[in-house]
Amino acid sequence: QVQLAESGGGLVQAGGSLRLSCAASGRTFSGPTMAWFRQAPGMEREFVAAITWNGDEASVTDSVQGRFIISRDSTENTMYLQMNNLKPEDTAVYSCAANGPSWRSSARLRVAGYYLTWGQGIQVTVSS
């Protein structure tokens, strides 16, 4: 079974940067996509970004376009989320997910329920 572990979160001032990592261990992935989601207090879990297993396709949600970059290093079984120009509204618990749906199912990529494996989540706090 695949296990995911996030790292790199913390407290940063508005305009700053953080890089989140999601390290995978255990059995080989069976699904073609991985993603980042986030959940702010009192809010629904929100899609942030997704990427294919080999990294040839990637997508981010509109609210972070131009600021966040998703990538992965298949040799190290690690996915990253580079977050630049952070804003207070980016404050949330960020979770990585794996074993997601086909990249061709673009609508499903943004739905948490279609990912089978999750990390525990990591807090990102952006102060104003």
N, C-alpha and C. Protein backbone atom coordinates (compact mmCIF):
# COMPACT_ATOMS: atom_id res chain seq x y z
N GLN A 1 0.84 -1.18 0.00
CA GLN A 1 0.00 0.00 0.00
C GLN A 1 0.88 1.24 0.00
N VAL A 2 0.48 2.26 -0.76
CA VAL A 2 1.24 3.49 -0.84
C VAL A 2 0.96 4.36 0.37
N GLN A 3 2.01 4.94 0.92
CA GLN A 3 1.86 5.94 1.97
C GLN A 3 2.41 7.27 1.46
N LEU A 4 1.74 8.35 1.84
CA LEU A 4 2.14 9.70 1.43
C LEU A 4 2.45 10.53 2.67
N ALA A 5 3.51 11.32 2.59
CA ALA A 5 3.89 12.17 3.71
C ALA A 5 4.25 13.56 3.19
N GLU A 6 3.51 14.57 3.68
CA GLU A 6 3.78 15.95 3.28
C GLU A 6 4.81 16.58 4.20
N SER A 7 5.54 17.54 3.65
CA SER A 7 6.47 18.34 4.44
C SER A 7 6.62 19.70 3.78
N GLY A 8 7.20 20.64 4.53
CA GLY A 8 7.49 21.95 3.97
C GLY A 8 6.52 23.04 4.33
N GLY A 9 5.49 22.73 5.09
CA GLY A 9 4.54 23.76 5.48
C GLY A 9 5.10 24.67 6.55
N GLY A 10 4.28 25.63 6.99
CA GLY A 10 4.72 26.52 8.05
C GLY A 10 4.06 27.86 7.96
N LEU A 11 4.67 28.83 8.64
CA LEU A 11 4.15 30.20 8.70
C LEU A 11 5.02 31.09 7.82
N VAL A 12 4.38 31.89 6.99
CA VAL A 12 5.11 32.78 6.10
C VAL A 12 4.32 34.08 5.97
N GLN A 13 5.04 35.17 5.72
CA GLN A 13 4.36 36.44 5.51
C GLN A 13 3.80 36.52 4.10
N ALA A 14 2.79 37.33 3.92
CA ALA A 14 2.21 37.54 2.60
C ALA A 14 3.30 37.99 1.63
N GLY A 15 3.27 37.41 0.43
CA GLY A 15 4.28 37.70 -0.56
C GLY A 15 5.44 36.72 -0.54
N GLY A 16 5.51 35.91 0.50
CA GLY A 16 6.59 34.94 0.62
C GLY A 16 6.32 33.67 -0.16
N SER A 17 7.24 32.71 -0.01
CA SER A 17 7.16 31.45 -0.74
C SER A 17 7.37 30.26 0.19
N LEU A 18 6.78 29.16 -0.19
CA LEU A 18 7.00 27.87 0.47
C LEU A 18 7.01 26.80 -0.61
N ARG A 19 7.71 25.70 -0.35
CA ARG A 19 7.64 24.55 -1.23
C ARG A 19 7.21 23.34 -0.43
N LEU A 20 6.06 22.81 -0.79
CA LEU A 20 5.56 21.59 -0.17
C LEU A 20 6.08 20.38 -0.91
N SER A 21 6.38 19.33 -0.16
CA SER A 21 6.80 18.06 -0.73
C SER A 21 5.83 16.97 -0.30
N CYS A 22 5.65 16.01 -1.18
CA CYS A 22 4.82 14.85 -0.87
C CYS A 22 5.63 13.62 -1.26
N ALA A 23 6.14 12.92 -0.26
CA ALA A 23 6.98 11.75 -0.50
C ALA A 23 6.13 10.49 -0.43
N ALA A 24 6.29 9.65 -1.43
CA ALA A 24 5.53 8.41 -1.48
C ALA A 24 6.43 7.23 -1.15
N SER A 25 5.89 6.30 -0.43
CA SER A 25 6.62 5.08 -0.10
C SER A 25 5.65 3.90 -0.15
N GLY A 26 6.21 2.70 -0.21
CA GLY A 26 5.36 1.53 -0.25
C GLY A 26 5.19 1.02 -1.67
N ARG A 27 4.07 0.42 -1.92
CA ARG A 27 3.81 -0.22 -3.21
C ARG A 27 3.70 0.80 -4.34
N THR A 28 3.96 0.37 -5.55
CA THR A 28 3.88 1.22 -6.73
C THR A 28 2.48 1.79 -6.89
N PHE A 29 2.39 3.02 -7.37
CA PHE A 29 1.10 3.64 -7.62
C PHE A 29 0.32 2.85 -8.66
N SER A 30 -0.97 2.80 -8.50
CA SER A 30 -1.83 2.15 -9.48
C SER A 30 -2.65 3.16 -10.27
N GLY A 31 -2.70 4.40 -9.83
CA GLY A 31 -3.47 5.40 -10.54
C GLY A 31 -2.56 6.36 -11.26
N PRO A 32 -3.06 7.03 -12.32
CA PRO A 32 -2.23 7.84 -13.20
C PRO A 32 -2.00 9.27 -12.77
N THR A 33 -2.67 9.74 -11.73
CA THR A 33 -2.56 11.15 -11.39
C THR A 33 -2.34 11.34 -9.89
N MET A 34 -1.72 12.49 -9.59
CA MET A 34 -1.54 12.93 -8.20
C MET A 34 -2.01 14.37 -8.12
N ALA A 35 -2.30 14.81 -6.90
CA ALA A 35 -2.86 16.16 -6.78
C ALA A 35 -2.60 16.74 -5.41
N TRP A 36 -2.79 18.06 -5.31
CA TRP A 36 -2.81 18.77 -4.05
C TRP A 36 -4.20 19.34 -3.84
N PHE A 37 -4.70 19.20 -2.65
CA PHE A 37 -5.94 19.82 -2.23
C PHE A 37 -5.66 20.64 -0.98
N ARG A 38 -6.54 21.55 -0.65
CA ARG A 38 -6.40 22.31 0.58
C ARG A 38 -7.76 22.53 1.21
N GLN A 39 -7.73 22.73 2.53
CA GLN A 39 -8.97 22.96 3.25
C GLN A 39 -8.73 24.01 4.31
N ALA A 40 -9.42 25.12 4.18
CA ALA A 40 -9.36 26.19 5.17
C ALA A 40 -10.40 25.94 6.24
N PRO A 41 -10.24 26.52 7.43
CA PRO A 41 -11.22 26.30 8.50
C PRO A 41 -12.62 26.68 8.08
N GLY A 42 -13.55 25.77 8.31
CA GLY A 42 -14.95 26.03 7.99
C GLY A 42 -15.28 25.97 6.52
N MET A 43 -14.32 25.55 5.69
CA MET A 43 -14.54 25.52 4.25
C MET A 43 -14.46 24.09 3.74
N GLU A 44 -14.99 23.90 2.53
CA GLU A 44 -14.88 22.60 1.88
C GLU A 44 -13.44 22.39 1.37
N ARG A 45 -13.07 21.13 1.23
CA ARG A 45 -11.79 20.81 0.63
C ARG A 45 -11.79 21.32 -0.81
N GLU A 46 -10.68 21.93 -1.20
CA GLU A 46 -10.59 22.59 -2.50
C GLU A 46 -9.44 22.03 -3.32
N PHE A 47 -9.68 21.79 -4.59
CA PHE A 47 -8.64 21.36 -5.50
C PHE A 47 -7.64 22.49 -5.72
N VAL A 48 -6.35 22.15 -5.73
CA VAL A 48 -5.31 23.14 -5.97
C VAL A 48 -4.58 22.85 -7.28
N ALA A 49 -4.10 21.62 -7.45
CA ALA A 49 -3.31 21.29 -8.63
C ALA A 49 -3.25 19.79 -8.80
N ALA A 50 -3.01 19.37 -10.06
CA ALA A 50 -2.88 17.95 -10.35
C ALA A 50 -1.78 17.75 -11.38
N ILE A 51 -1.24 16.53 -11.40
CA ILE A 51 -0.16 16.21 -12.33
C ILE A 51 -0.22 14.73 -12.66
N THR A 52 0.21 14.38 -13.86
CA THR A 52 0.26 12.98 -14.23
C THR A 52 1.46 12.29 -13.58
N TRP A 53 1.41 11.00 -13.56
CA TRP A 53 2.46 10.21 -12.93
C TRP A 53 3.83 10.52 -13.51
N ASN A 54 3.90 10.69 -14.84
CA ASN A 54 5.21 10.97 -15.44
C ASN A 54 5.49 12.46 -15.57
N GLY A 55 4.57 13.29 -15.11
CA GLY A 55 4.80 14.73 -15.09
C GLY A 55 4.60 15.44 -16.40
N ASP A 56 4.04 14.76 -17.41
CA ASP A 56 3.92 15.41 -18.71
C ASP A 56 2.69 16.29 -18.85
N GLU A 57 1.78 16.20 -17.89
CA GLU A 57 0.61 17.06 -17.88
C GLU A 57 0.43 17.61 -16.47
N ALA A 58 0.07 18.88 -16.37
CA ALA A 58 -0.14 19.48 -15.06
C ALA A 58 -1.20 20.57 -15.17
N SER A 59 -1.88 20.82 -14.08
CA SER A 59 -2.92 21.83 -14.07
C SER A 59 -3.04 22.41 -12.67
N VAL A 60 -3.31 23.71 -12.60
CA VAL A 60 -3.58 24.35 -11.31
C VAL A 60 -4.91 25.08 -11.38
N THR A 61 -5.51 25.29 -10.25
CA THR A 61 -6.78 25.99 -10.23
C THR A 61 -6.57 27.48 -10.48
N ASP A 62 -7.61 28.15 -10.94
CA ASP A 62 -7.48 29.54 -11.37
C ASP A 62 -6.95 30.47 -10.27
N SER A 63 -7.34 30.24 -9.04
CA SER A 63 -6.97 31.15 -7.96
C SER A 63 -5.47 31.15 -7.65
N VAL A 64 -4.76 30.14 -8.10
CA VAL A 64 -3.32 30.07 -7.84
C VAL A 64 -2.51 30.11 -9.13
N GLN A 65 -3.19 30.26 -10.25
CA GLN A 65 -2.50 30.32 -11.54
C GLN A 65 -1.48 31.45 -11.54
N GLY A 66 -0.26 31.14 -12.00
CA GLY A 66 0.79 32.15 -12.02
C GLY A 66 1.56 32.27 -10.71
N ARG A 67 1.07 31.62 -9.66
CA ARG A 67 1.75 31.69 -8.36
C ARG A 67 2.23 30.32 -7.89
N PHE A 68 1.47 29.28 -8.15
CA PHE A 68 1.81 27.93 -7.70
C PHE A 68 2.25 27.08 -8.89
N ILE A 69 3.22 26.21 -8.64
CA ILE A 69 3.68 25.29 -9.67
C ILE A 69 3.73 23.88 -9.07
N ILE A 70 3.10 22.95 -9.76
CA ILE A 70 3.14 21.55 -9.33
C ILE A 70 4.17 20.81 -10.19
N SER A 71 4.92 19.92 -9.56
CA SER A 71 5.90 19.13 -10.28
C SER A 71 6.11 17.82 -9.55
N ARG A 72 6.80 16.90 -10.17
CA ARG A 72 7.12 15.66 -9.49
C ARG A 72 8.45 15.11 -9.99
N ASP A 73 9.11 14.40 -9.13
CA ASP A 73 10.36 13.74 -9.43
C ASP A 73 10.11 12.25 -9.31
N SER A 74 9.95 11.58 -10.43
CA SER A 74 9.59 10.16 -10.39
C SER A 74 10.73 9.31 -9.84
N THR A 75 11.96 9.77 -9.99
CA THR A 75 13.09 8.98 -9.48
C THR A 75 13.10 8.95 -7.96
N GLU A 76 12.53 9.99 -7.35
CA GLU A 76 12.49 10.05 -5.89
C GLU A 76 11.08 9.84 -5.36
N ASN A 77 10.14 9.52 -6.25
CA ASN A 77 8.76 9.29 -5.83
C ASN A 77 8.24 10.46 -4.99
N THR A 78 8.51 11.66 -5.44
CA THR A 78 8.11 12.85 -4.69
C THR A 78 7.41 13.84 -5.59
N MET A 79 6.35 14.44 -5.06
CA MET A 79 5.62 15.50 -5.76
C MET A 79 5.83 16.79 -4.99
N TYR A 80 5.86 17.90 -5.72
CA TYR A 80 6.11 19.19 -5.09
C TYR A 80 5.01 20.19 -5.43
N LEU A 81 4.87 21.18 -4.57
CA LEU A 81 4.02 22.32 -4.86
C LEU A 81 4.81 23.56 -4.46
N GLN A 82 5.32 24.27 -5.46
CA GLN A 82 6.02 25.52 -5.22
C GLN A 82 4.99 26.63 -5.14
N MET A 83 4.95 27.31 -4.01
CA MET A 83 3.95 28.34 -3.78
C MET A 83 4.66 29.68 -3.63
N ASN A 84 4.40 30.58 -4.56
CA ASN A 84 5.02 31.90 -4.57
C ASN A 84 3.97 32.98 -4.37
N ASN A 85 4.42 34.15 -3.95
CA ASN A 85 3.52 35.28 -3.74
C ASN A 85 2.29 34.85 -2.93
N LEU A 86 2.54 34.22 -1.83
CA LEU A 86 1.45 33.70 -1.01
C LEU A 86 0.58 34.81 -0.44
N LYS A 87 -0.70 34.52 -0.31
CA LYS A 87 -1.68 35.47 0.19
C LYS A 87 -2.34 34.89 1.44
N PRO A 88 -2.88 35.73 2.31
CA PRO A 88 -3.56 35.21 3.50
C PRO A 88 -4.66 34.20 3.15
N GLU A 89 -5.31 34.37 2.04
CA GLU A 89 -6.38 33.43 1.66
C GLU A 89 -5.86 32.07 1.22
N ASP A 90 -4.55 31.92 1.12
CA ASP A 90 -3.95 30.61 0.85
C ASP A 90 -3.80 29.78 2.13
N THR A 91 -4.06 30.38 3.27
CA THR A 91 -3.96 29.68 4.54
C THR A 91 -4.92 28.50 4.57
N ALA A 92 -4.38 27.32 4.83
CA ALA A 92 -5.18 26.09 4.82
C ALA A 92 -4.30 24.91 5.22
N VAL A 93 -4.95 23.79 5.42
CA VAL A 93 -4.23 22.51 5.52
C VAL A 93 -4.14 21.95 4.10
N TYR A 94 -2.92 21.70 3.67
CA TYR A 94 -2.69 21.18 2.33
C TYR A 94 -2.43 19.68 2.40
N SER A 95 -3.11 18.96 1.53
CA SER A 95 -2.98 17.50 1.51
C SER A 95 -2.62 17.03 0.11
N CYS A 96 -1.74 16.04 0.04
CA CYS A 96 -1.45 15.44 -1.26
C CYS A 96 -2.27 14.17 -1.41
N ALA A 97 -2.57 13.86 -2.65
CA ALA A 97 -3.41 12.71 -2.96
C ALA A 97 -2.81 11.98 -4.15
N ALA A 98 -3.00 10.67 -4.19
CA ALA A 98 -2.47 9.85 -5.28
C ALA A 98 -3.49 8.82 -5.71
N ASN A 99 -3.10 8.05 -6.73
CA ASN A 99 -4.01 7.06 -7.29
C ASN A 99 -5.33 7.72 -7.70
N GLY A 100 -5.17 8.78 -8.49
CA GLY A 100 -6.32 9.53 -8.94
C GLY A 100 -6.84 9.05 -10.28
N PRO A 101 -7.81 9.78 -10.84
CA PRO A 101 -8.46 9.36 -12.09
C PRO A 101 -7.60 9.63 -13.31
N SER A 102 -8.08 9.17 -14.45
CA SER A 102 -7.39 9.42 -15.72
C SER A 102 -7.31 10.92 -15.98
N TRP A 103 -6.21 11.35 -16.58
CA TRP A 103 -6.06 12.77 -16.92
C TRP A 103 -7.15 13.22 -17.89
N ARG A 104 -7.66 12.29 -18.70
CA ARG A 104 -8.71 12.65 -19.66
C ARG A 104 -10.02 12.99 -18.95
N SER A 105 -10.16 12.57 -17.72
CA SER A 105 -11.38 12.90 -16.95
C SER A 105 -11.15 14.22 -16.22
N SER A 106 -11.11 15.29 -16.97
CA SER A 106 -10.68 16.56 -16.41
C SER A 106 -11.56 17.03 -15.25
N ALA A 107 -12.85 16.73 -15.31
CA ALA A 107 -13.73 17.14 -14.22
C ALA A 107 -13.42 16.35 -12.94
N ARG A 108 -13.13 15.07 -13.09
CA ARG A 108 -12.88 14.22 -11.92
C ARG A 108 -11.56 14.58 -11.25
N LEU A 109 -10.62 15.14 -12.00
CA LEU A 109 -9.33 15.50 -11.41
C LEU A 109 -9.51 16.45 -10.22
N ARG A 110 -10.57 17.25 -10.24
CA ARG A 110 -10.78 18.28 -9.23
C ARG A 110 -11.65 17.80 -8.07
N VAL A 111 -12.00 16.52 -8.07
CA VAL A 111 -12.89 15.98 -7.06
C VAL A 111 -12.11 15.05 -6.14
N ALA A 112 -12.08 15.38 -4.86
CA ALA A 112 -11.27 14.62 -3.90
C ALA A 112 -11.67 13.15 -3.84
N GLY A 113 -12.93 12.87 -4.02
CA GLY A 113 -13.41 11.50 -3.89
C GLY A 113 -12.85 10.52 -4.91
N TYR A 114 -12.23 11.04 -5.97
CA TYR A 114 -11.69 10.15 -7.00
C TYR A 114 -10.22 9.79 -6.74
N TYR A 115 -9.67 10.25 -5.64
CA TYR A 115 -8.30 9.89 -5.27
C TYR A 115 -8.34 8.88 -4.13
N LEU A 116 -7.56 7.82 -4.26
CA LEU A 116 -7.66 6.70 -3.32
C LEU A 116 -6.71 6.81 -2.14
N THR A 117 -5.65 7.55 -2.29
CA THR A 117 -4.61 7.59 -1.27
C THR A 117 -4.34 9.03 -0.87
N TRP A 118 -4.24 9.26 0.45
CA TRP A 118 -4.07 10.62 0.96
C TRP A 118 -2.98 10.69 2.01
N GLY A 119 -2.31 11.84 2.04
CA GLY A 119 -1.42 12.13 3.14
C GLY A 119 -2.21 12.70 4.30
N GLN A 120 -1.51 12.97 5.40
CA GLN A 120 -2.18 13.46 6.61
C GLN A 120 -2.47 14.95 6.55
N GLY A 121 -1.81 15.65 5.67
CA GLY A 121 -2.02 17.08 5.57
C GLY A 121 -0.98 17.87 6.34
N ILE A 122 -0.76 19.10 5.89
CA ILE A 122 0.22 19.95 6.54
C ILE A 122 -0.30 21.39 6.52
N GLN A 123 -0.06 22.09 7.62
CA GLN A 123 -0.60 23.44 7.75
C GLN A 123 0.29 24.45 7.03
N VAL A 124 -0.36 25.33 6.30
CA VAL A 124 0.28 26.50 5.70
C VAL A 124 -0.47 27.73 6.20
N THR A 125 0.25 28.63 6.84
CA THR A 125 -0.36 29.85 7.36
C THR A 125 0.35 31.06 6.77
N VAL A 126 -0.42 31.95 6.17
CA VAL A 126 0.12 33.15 5.56
C VAL A 126 -0.39 34.35 6.34
N SER A 127 0.53 35.10 6.93
CA SER A 127 0.15 36.26 7.72
C SER A 127 0.15 37.51 6.84
N SER A 128 -0.74 38.43 7.19
CA SER A 128 -0.85 39.66 6.38
C SER A 128 0.07 40.75 6.90
